[in-house]
C-alpha atoms as a PDB file:
ATOM      1  CA  MET A   1     -14.159   5.109   9.543  1.00  0.00           C
ATOM      2  CA  ALA A   2     -11.461   2.469  10.045  1.00  0.00           C
ATOM      3  CA  THR A   3      -7.773   3.257   9.535  1.00  0.00           C
ATOM      4  CA  LEU A   4      -5.910   1.394   6.786  1.00  0.00           C
ATOM      5  CA  LEU A   5      -2.188   0.651   7.103  1.00  0.00           C
ATOM      6  CA  LEU A   6      -0.549  -0.203   3.778  1.00  0.00           C
ATOM      7  CA  LEU A   7       2.650  -2.209   4.218  1.00  0.00           C
ATOM      8  CA  ARG A   8       4.942  -2.737   1.269  1.00  0.00           C
ATOM      9  CA  HIS A   9       6.771  -6.069   1.284  1.00  0.00           C
ATOM     10  CA  GLY A  10      10.420  -6.165   2.303  1.00  0.00           C
ATOM     11  CA  ARG A  11      13.277  -6.032  -0.187  1.00  0.00           C
ATOM     12  CA  THR A  12      13.435  -8.996  -2.530  1.00  0.00           C
ATOM     13  CA  THR A  13      16.210 -10.665  -4.478  1.00  0.00           C
ATOM     14  CA  ALA A  14      14.753  -9.007  -7.593  1.00  0.00           C
ATOM     15  CA  ASN A  15      14.798  -5.557  -5.938  1.00  0.00           C
ATOM     16  CA  ALA A  16      18.449  -6.058  -5.004  1.00  0.00           C
ATOM     17  CA  ASP A  17      19.370  -7.138  -8.540  1.00  0.00           C
ATOM     18  CA  GLY A  18      17.424  -4.391 -10.318  1.00  0.00           C
ATOM     19  CA  ILE A  19      14.894  -6.803 -11.830  1.00  0.00           C
ATOM     20  CA  LEU A  20      11.204  -6.017 -12.364  1.00  0.00           C
ATOM     21  CA  ALA A  21       9.606  -8.945 -10.543  1.00  0.00           C
ATOM     22  CA  GLY A  22       5.979  -8.487 -11.558  1.00  0.00           C
ATOM     23  CA  ASP A  23       4.023 -11.615 -10.658  1.00  0.00           C
ATOM     24  CA  LEU A  24       7.105 -13.874 -10.448  1.00  0.00           C
ATOM     25  CA  PRO A  25       7.473 -15.822  -7.160  1.00  0.00           C
ATOM     26  CA  VAL A  26      10.551 -13.932  -5.937  1.00  0.00           C
ATOM     27  CA  GLU A  27      11.512 -14.152  -2.269  1.00  0.00           C
ATOM     28  CA  LEU A  28      12.769 -11.684   0.298  1.00  0.00           C
ATOM     29  CA  ASP A  29      16.539 -11.421   0.599  1.00  0.00           C
ATOM     30  CA  GLU A  30      18.196 -11.360   4.032  1.00  0.00           C
ATOM     31  CA  PHE A  31      17.926  -7.581   4.254  1.00  0.00           C
ATOM     32  CA  GLY A  32      14.256  -7.753   3.306  1.00  0.00           C
ATOM     33  CA  MET A  33      13.642 -10.362   5.989  1.00  0.00           C
ATOM     34  CA  GLU A  34      15.126  -8.046   8.586  1.00  0.00           C
ATOM     35  CA  GLN A  35      13.016  -5.170   7.236  1.00  0.00           C
ATOM     36  CA  ALA A  36       9.913  -7.322   7.708  1.00  0.00           C
ATOM     37  CA  ARG A  37      10.867  -8.120  11.302  1.00  0.00           C
ATOM     38  CA  GLN A  38      11.445  -4.437  12.021  1.00  0.00           C
ATOM     39  CA  ALA A  39       8.041  -3.595  10.542  1.00  0.00           C
ATOM     40  CA  GLY A  40       6.551  -6.200  12.848  1.00  0.00           C
ATOM     41  CA  ALA A  41       8.215  -4.585  15.841  1.00  0.00           C
ATOM     42  CA  ARG A  42       6.631  -1.263  14.863  1.00  0.00           C
ATOM     43  CA  LEU A  43       3.227  -2.925  14.544  1.00  0.00           C
ATOM     44  CA  THR A  44       3.463  -4.673  17.918  1.00  0.00           C
ATOM     45  CA  GLY A  45       0.680  -3.568  20.202  1.00  0.00           C
ATOM     46  CA  LEU A  46      -1.530  -2.124  17.480  1.00  0.00           C
ATOM     47  CA  PRO A  47      -5.037  -3.636  17.627  1.00  0.00           C
ATOM     48  CA  LEU A  48      -5.168  -4.899  14.037  1.00  0.00           C
ATOM     49  CA  ALA A  49      -8.733  -5.968  13.301  1.00  0.00           C
ATOM     50  CA  VAL A  50      -7.888  -7.677   9.998  1.00  0.00           C
ATOM     51  CA  VAL A  51      -4.728  -8.388   7.994  1.00  0.00           C
ATOM     52  CA  VAL A  52      -5.024  -8.726   4.206  1.00  0.00           C
ATOM     53  CA  SER A  53      -2.335  -9.582   1.660  1.00  0.00           C
ATOM     54  CA  SER A  54      -1.529  -9.740  -1.998  1.00  0.00           C
ATOM     55  CA  PRO A  55      -1.326 -13.421  -2.966  1.00  0.00           C
ATOM     56  CA  LEU A  56       2.291 -13.082  -4.134  1.00  0.00           C
ATOM     57  CA  LEU A  57       5.034 -14.856  -2.170  1.00  0.00           C
ATOM     58  CA  ARG A  58       6.997 -11.768  -1.120  1.00  0.00           C
ATOM     59  CA  CYS A  59       3.999 -10.259   0.635  1.00  0.00           C
ATOM     60  CA  ARG A  60       3.094 -13.502   2.386  1.00  0.00           C
ATOM     61  CA  GLN A  61       6.708 -13.903   3.537  1.00  0.00           C
ATOM     62  CA  THR A  62       6.735 -10.345   4.852  1.00  0.00           C
ATOM     63  CA  LEU A  63       3.654 -10.950   6.975  1.00  0.00           C
ATOM     64  CA  GLU A  64       4.909 -14.317   8.236  1.00  0.00           C
ATOM     65  CA  LEU A  65       7.987 -12.529   9.588  1.00  0.00           C
ATOM     66  CA  ALA A  66       6.284  -9.329  10.713  1.00  0.00           C
ATOM     67  CA  LEU A  67       3.183 -10.853  12.297  1.00  0.00           C
ATOM     68  CA  PRO A  68       3.865 -14.556  12.923  1.00  0.00           C
ATOM     69  CA  GLY A  69       0.770 -16.582  13.664  1.00  0.00           C
ATOM     70  CA  THR A  70      -1.621 -13.824  12.558  1.00  0.00           C
ATOM     71  CA  PRO A  71      -4.481 -14.952  10.293  1.00  0.00           C
ATOM     72  CA  VAL A  72      -4.115 -13.378   6.839  1.00  0.00           C
ATOM     73  CA  ALA A  73      -6.832 -13.005   4.200  1.00  0.00           C
ATOM     74  CA  THR A  74      -5.741 -13.018   0.553  1.00  0.00           C
ATOM     75  CA  GLU A  75      -6.967 -10.262  -1.750  1.00  0.00           C
ATOM     76  CA  ASP A  76      -6.214 -10.588  -5.468  1.00  0.00           C
ATOM     77  CA  GLY A  77      -6.957  -6.892  -5.972  1.00  0.00           C
ATOM     78  CA  LEU A  78      -3.712  -6.148  -4.119  1.00  0.00           C
ATOM     79  CA  ARG A  79      -1.614  -8.208  -6.542  1.00  0.00           C
ATOM     80  CA  GLU A  80       1.313  -6.467  -8.250  1.00  0.00           C
ATOM     81  CA  CYS A  81       0.622  -4.773 -11.574  1.00  0.00           C
ATOM     82  CA  GLY A  82       0.683  -7.269 -14.440  1.00  0.00           C
ATOM     83  CA  TYR A  83       3.825  -6.189 -16.279  1.00  0.00           C
ATOM     84  CA  GLY A  84       3.457  -8.959 -18.848  1.00  0.00           C
ATOM     85  CA  GLU A  85       6.527  -9.307 -21.064  1.00  0.00           C
ATOM     86  CA  TRP A  86       8.404  -6.828 -18.871  1.00  0.00           C
ATOM     87  CA  SER A  87       8.365  -9.174 -15.864  1.00  0.00           C
ATOM     88  CA  GLY A  88      11.753 -10.649 -15.015  1.00  0.00           C
ATOM     89  CA  ARG A  89      13.709  -8.119 -17.068  1.00  0.00           C
ATOM     90  CA  ALA A  90      16.370  -5.708 -15.862  1.00  0.00           C
ATOM     91  CA  LEU A  91      15.189  -2.168 -15.151  1.00  0.00           C
ATOM     92  CA  LYS A  92      18.294  -0.778 -16.903  1.00  0.00           C
ATOM     93  CA  GLU A  93      17.240  -2.621 -20.057  1.00  0.00           C
ATOM     94  CA  LEU A  94      13.610  -1.524 -19.768  1.00  0.00           C
ATOM     95  CA  ALA A  95      14.654   2.119 -19.397  1.00  0.00           C
ATOM     96  CA  ASP A  96      15.739   2.041 -23.059  1.00  0.00           C
ATOM     97  CA  ASN A  97      12.293   0.888 -24.207  1.00  0.00           C
ATOM     98  CA  PRO A  98      10.196   3.684 -25.801  1.00  0.00           C
ATOM     99  CA  LEU A  99       7.301   2.773 -23.490  1.00  0.00           C
ATOM    100  CA  TRP A 100       9.425   3.684 -20.459  1.00  0.00           C
ATOM    101  CA  ALA A 101       8.943   7.419 -21.017  1.00  0.00           C
ATOM    102  CA  THR A 102       5.174   6.938 -21.085  1.00  0.00           C
ATOM    103  CA  VAL A 103       5.343   4.938 -17.842  1.00  0.00           C
ATOM    104  CA  GLN A 104       7.179   7.875 -16.288  1.00  0.00           C
ATOM    105  CA  HIS A 105       5.061  10.743 -17.583  1.00  0.00           C
ATOM    106  CA  HIS A 106       1.661   9.329 -18.638  1.00  0.00           C
ATOM    107  CA  PRO A 107       1.153   6.029 -16.767  1.00  0.00           C
ATOM    108  CA  ALA A 108      -2.636   6.228 -17.125  1.00  0.00           C
ATOM    109  CA  ALA A 109      -2.134   5.535 -20.850  1.00  0.00           C
ATOM    110  CA  VAL A 110       0.119   2.489 -20.383  1.00  0.00           C
ATOM    111  CA  THR A 111      -0.833  -1.105 -21.065  1.00  0.00           C
ATOM    112  CA  PHE A 112       2.159  -3.405 -20.664  1.00  0.00           C
ATOM    113  CA  PRO A 113       2.756  -5.755 -23.617  1.00  0.00           C
ATOM    114  CA  GLY A 114       1.072  -9.017 -22.766  1.00  0.00           C
ATOM    115  CA  GLY A 115       0.046  -7.560 -19.416  1.00  0.00           C
ATOM    116  CA  GLU A 116      -2.208  -5.144 -17.577  1.00  0.00           C
ATOM    117  CA  ALA A 117      -3.099  -1.485 -17.989  1.00  0.00           C
ATOM    118  CA  MET A 118      -1.854   0.650 -15.104  1.00  0.00           C
ATOM    119  CA  ALA A 119      -5.284   2.287 -14.915  1.00  0.00           C
ATOM    120  CA  ALA A 120      -6.862  -1.167 -14.504  1.00  0.00           C
ATOM    121  CA  MET A 121      -4.387  -1.992 -11.717  1.00  0.00           C
ATOM    122  CA  ALA A 122      -5.235   1.256  -9.933  1.00  0.00           C
ATOM    123  CA  ASN A 123      -8.963   0.681 -10.274  1.00  0.00           C
ATOM    124  CA  ARG A 124      -8.959  -2.883  -8.899  1.00  0.00           C
ATOM    125  CA  ALA A 125      -6.603  -1.940  -6.023  1.00  0.00           C
ATOM    126  CA  VAL A 126      -8.649   1.073  -4.934  1.00  0.00           C
ATOM    127  CA  THR A 127     -11.881  -0.902  -5.287  1.00  0.00           C
ATOM    128  CA  ALA A 128     -10.447  -3.677  -3.123  1.00  0.00           C
ATOM    129  CA  VAL A 129      -9.223  -1.509  -0.235  1.00  0.00           C
ATOM    130  CA  ARG A 130     -12.362   0.615  -0.148  1.00  0.00           C
ATOM    131  CA  ALA A 131     -14.536  -2.510  -0.054  1.00  0.00           C
ATOM    132  CA  TRP A 132     -12.467  -4.066   2.737  1.00  0.00           C
ATOM    133  CA  ASP A 133     -12.489  -0.797   4.662  1.00  0.00           C
ATOM    134  CA  ALA A 134     -16.276  -0.536   4.487  1.00  0.00           C
ATOM    135  CA  ARG A 135     -16.724  -4.129   5.669  1.00  0.00           C
ATOM    136  CA  ILE A 136     -14.227  -3.742   8.498  1.00  0.00           C
ATOM    137  CA  THR A 137     -15.817  -0.495   9.649  1.00  0.00           C
ATOM    138  CA  GLU A 138     -19.212  -2.155   9.683  1.00  0.00           C
ATOM    139  CA  SER A 139     -18.037  -5.238  11.570  1.00  0.00           C
ATOM    140  CA  HIS A 140     -15.355  -3.768  13.868  1.00  0.00           C
ATOM    141  CA  GLY A 141     -16.407  -0.143  14.281  1.00  0.00           C
ATOM    142  CA  HIS A 142     -15.048   3.241  13.302  1.00  0.00           C
ATOM    143  CA  GLU A 143     -11.987   2.931  15.539  1.00  0.00           C
ATOM    144  CA  ALA A 144     -10.707  -0.232  13.854  1.00  0.00           C
ATOM    145  CA  VAL A 145      -7.190  -0.405  12.428  1.00  0.00           C
ATOM    146  CA  TRP A 146      -6.423  -2.911   9.682  1.00  0.00           C
ATOM    147  CA  LEU A 147      -3.417  -3.745   7.537  1.00  0.00           C
ATOM    148  CA  ALA A 148      -2.940  -4.621   3.877  1.00  0.00           C
ATOM    149  CA  CYS A 149       0.407  -5.841   2.491  1.00  0.00           C
ATOM    150  CA  SER A 150       1.006  -5.064  -1.171  1.00  0.00           C
ATOM    151  CA  HIS A 151       3.455  -3.698  -3.749  1.00  0.00           C
ATOM    152  CA  GLY A 152       5.050  -0.374  -4.606  1.00  0.00           C
ATOM    153  CA  ASP A 153       3.036   0.698  -7.645  1.00  0.00           C
ATOM    154  CA  VAL A 154      -0.178  -0.652  -6.139  1.00  0.00           C
ATOM    155  CA  ILE A 155       0.268   1.355  -2.939  1.00  0.00           C
ATOM    156  CA  LYS A 156       1.239   4.452  -4.928  1.00  0.00           C
ATOM    157  CA  ALA A 157      -1.990   4.131  -6.928  1.00  0.00           C
ATOM    158  CA  ILE A 158      -4.058   3.845  -3.741  1.00  0.00           C
ATOM    159  CA  VAL A 159      -2.340   6.918  -2.278  1.00  0.00           C
ATOM    160  CA  ALA A 160      -2.875   8.901  -5.473  1.00  0.00           C
ATOM    161  CA  ASP A 161      -6.585   8.119  -5.346  1.00  0.00           C
ATOM    162  CA  ALA A 162      -6.788   9.138  -1.682  1.00  0.00           C
ATOM    163  CA  LEU A 163      -5.034  12.428  -2.465  1.00  0.00           C
ATOM    164  CA  GLY A 164      -7.348  13.132  -5.402  1.00  0.00           C
ATOM    165  CA  MET A 165      -4.391  12.972  -7.792  1.00  0.00           C
ATOM    166  CA  HIS A 166      -4.627  11.828 -11.390  1.00  0.00           C
ATOM    167  CA  LEU A 167      -2.807   8.553 -11.951  1.00  0.00           C
ATOM    168  CA  ASP A 168      -0.429  10.395 -14.284  1.00  0.00           C
ATOM    169  CA  LEU A 169       1.017  12.081 -11.176  1.00  0.00           C
ATOM    170  CA  PHE A 170       1.516   8.954  -9.087  1.00  0.00           C
ATOM    171  CA  GLN A 171       5.225   8.684  -9.937  1.00  0.00           C
ATOM    172  CA  ARG A 172       5.724  11.643  -7.573  1.00  0.00           C
ATOM    173  CA  ILE A 173       4.956   9.301  -4.646  1.00  0.00           C
ATOM    174  CA  GLN A 174       7.713   7.194  -3.074  1.00  0.00           C
ATOM    175  CA  VAL A 175       6.942   3.872  -1.358  1.00  0.00           C
ATOM    176  CA  GLU A 176      10.022   2.037  -0.106  1.00  0.00           C
ATOM    177  CA  PRO A 177      10.242  -1.647   0.849  1.00  0.00           C
ATOM    178  CA  SER A 178       8.711  -2.340   4.275  1.00  0.00           C
ATOM    179  CA  SER A 179       7.370   1.217   4.570  1.00  0.00           C
ATOM    180  CA  ILE A 180       3.968   1.921   6.082  1.00  0.00           C
ATOM    181  CA  THR A 181       1.374   4.279   4.620  1.00  0.00           C
ATOM    182  CA  ALA A 182      -1.801   5.137   6.526  1.00  0.00           C
ATOM    183  CA  ILE A 183      -5.163   6.276   5.137  1.00  0.00           C
ATOM    184  CA  ARG A 184      -8.467   6.887   6.880  1.00  0.00           C
ATOM    185  CA  TYR A 185     -11.509   6.880   4.600  1.00  0.00           C
ATOM    186  CA  THR A 186     -14.548   8.901   5.669  1.00  0.00           C
ATOM    187  CA  PRO A 187     -17.918   9.673   4.033  1.00  0.00           C
ATOM    188  CA  GLN A 188     -16.538  13.072   2.987  1.00  0.00           C
ATOM    189  CA  ARG A 189     -12.978  12.314   1.905  1.00  0.00           C
ATOM    190  CA  PRO A 190      -9.950  10.137   2.633  1.00  0.00           C
ATOM    191  CA  PHE A 191      -7.333  11.482   5.045  1.00  0.00           C
ATOM    192  CA  VAL A 192      -3.740  10.511   4.205  1.00  0.00           C
ATOM    193  CA  LEU A 193      -2.049  10.200   7.610  1.00  0.00           C
ATOM    194  CA  ARG A 194       1.366   8.762   6.704  1.00  0.00           C
ATOM    195  CA  VAL A 195       3.220   8.041   3.458  1.00  0.00           C
ATOM    196  CA  ASN A 196       6.381   5.928   3.089  1.00  0.00           C
ATOM    197  CA  ASP A 197       6.945   5.876   6.857  1.00  0.00           C
ATOM    198  CA  THR A 198       9.914   3.664   7.751  1.00  0.00           C
ATOM    199  CA  GLY A 199      10.696   4.622  11.324  1.00  0.00           C
ATOM    200  CA  THR A 200       8.320   6.613  13.495  1.00  0.00           C
ATOM    201  CA  SER A 201       5.940   5.238  16.133  1.00  0.00           C
ATOM    202  CA  LEU A 202       2.544   4.131  14.831  1.00  0.00           C
ATOM    203  CA  ASP A 203       0.719   4.555  18.143  1.00  0.00           C
ATOM    204  CA  ALA A 204      -0.826   7.845  17.049  1.00  0.00           C
ATOM    205  CA  LEU A 205      -2.700   6.034  14.262  1.00  0.00           C
ATOM    206  CA  VAL A 206      -5.004   4.331  16.738  1.00  0.00           C
ATOM    207  CA  HIS A 207      -8.180   6.401  16.514  1.00  0.00           C
ATOM    208  CA  LYS A 208      -8.487   9.001  19.247  1.00  0.00           C
ATOM    209  CA  HIS A 209     -11.372  11.379  19.782  1.00  0.00           C
ATOM    210  CA  ARG A 210     -10.764  15.031  19.072  1.00  0.00           C
ATOM    211  CA  PRO A 211     -10.773  17.542  21.901  1.00  0.00           C
ATOM    212  CA  PRO A 212     -14.308  18.867  22.547  1.00  0.00           C
ATOM    213  CA  ALA A 213     -13.403  22.202  20.991  1.00  0.00           C
ATOM    214  CA  GLU A 214     -12.620  20.432  17.711  1.00  0.00           C
ATOM    215  CA  GLU A 215     -15.637  18.113  17.450  1.00  0.00           C
ATOM    216  CA  THR A 216     -17.099  18.355  13.947  1.00  0.00           C
ATOM    217  CA  ALA A 217     -19.013  16.117  11.580  1.00  0.00           C
ATOM    218  CA  GLU A 218     -17.373  12.805  10.650  1.00  0.00           C
ATOM    219  CA  GLY A 219     -15.005  13.410   7.734  1.00  0.00           C
ATOM    220  CA  ASP A 220     -14.708  17.181   8.236  1.00  0.00           C
ATOM    221  CA  ALA A 221     -11.185  18.589   8.283  1.00  0.00           C
ATOM    222  CA  VAL A 222     -10.224  20.837  11.211  1.00  0.00           C
ATOM    223  CA  LEU A 223      -9.581  24.350   9.932  1.00  0.00           C
ATOM    224  CA  GLY A 224      -6.104  25.526  10.809  1.00  0.00           C
ATOM    225  CA  GLY A 225      -4.880  21.976  11.369  1.00  0.00           C
ATOM    226  CA  GLY A 226      -6.198  21.382  14.889  1.00  0.00           C
ATOM    227  CA  ALA A 227      -4.414  20.402  18.073  1.00  0.00           C
END
């Protein structure tokens, strides 16, 4: 199947100030702009079949800087979690809210006041990337590589699903601004290839055939780890 690269947007003014942005139209700060350019340098040369983005400004800015001139499709399923009344508030203030402990330890049970349930966010994000991946595989072939730009909690939810983890465990996953996470879905299982990668070469993520001695059915894992 195709290989999905999940790019988190660069650092924003809200990130720098410790504010939960939610669906507010916050912009990248200067450091975040440079992060986006560096992500673009890492992506240079990769044969990206399709680029998809959350509709929010910070993701669109990230892609404009990382991949200037590249056509970008908008996917609402990749939008940030709807934090409702929590949006725009300081994280230090929110940490004193009784709901904060549930967000940390039982996020699958959380519905933000005036906002979205975290389980609903996870479901629509996973549904979106799996649908895009199936379409891209069908139209561009099994060796296709595509990119989706989204948000921290959204990417963490997608990774948790790929790892077979309950959403209540997704806070164990770290996804930094401008990091790249790579997943390859197959008929048998997803393979998580990279998580929160901020520096290494991405060339190895372009699909390569296994050595003849390792050829197995599509989606089978190589026992022992392979070559």
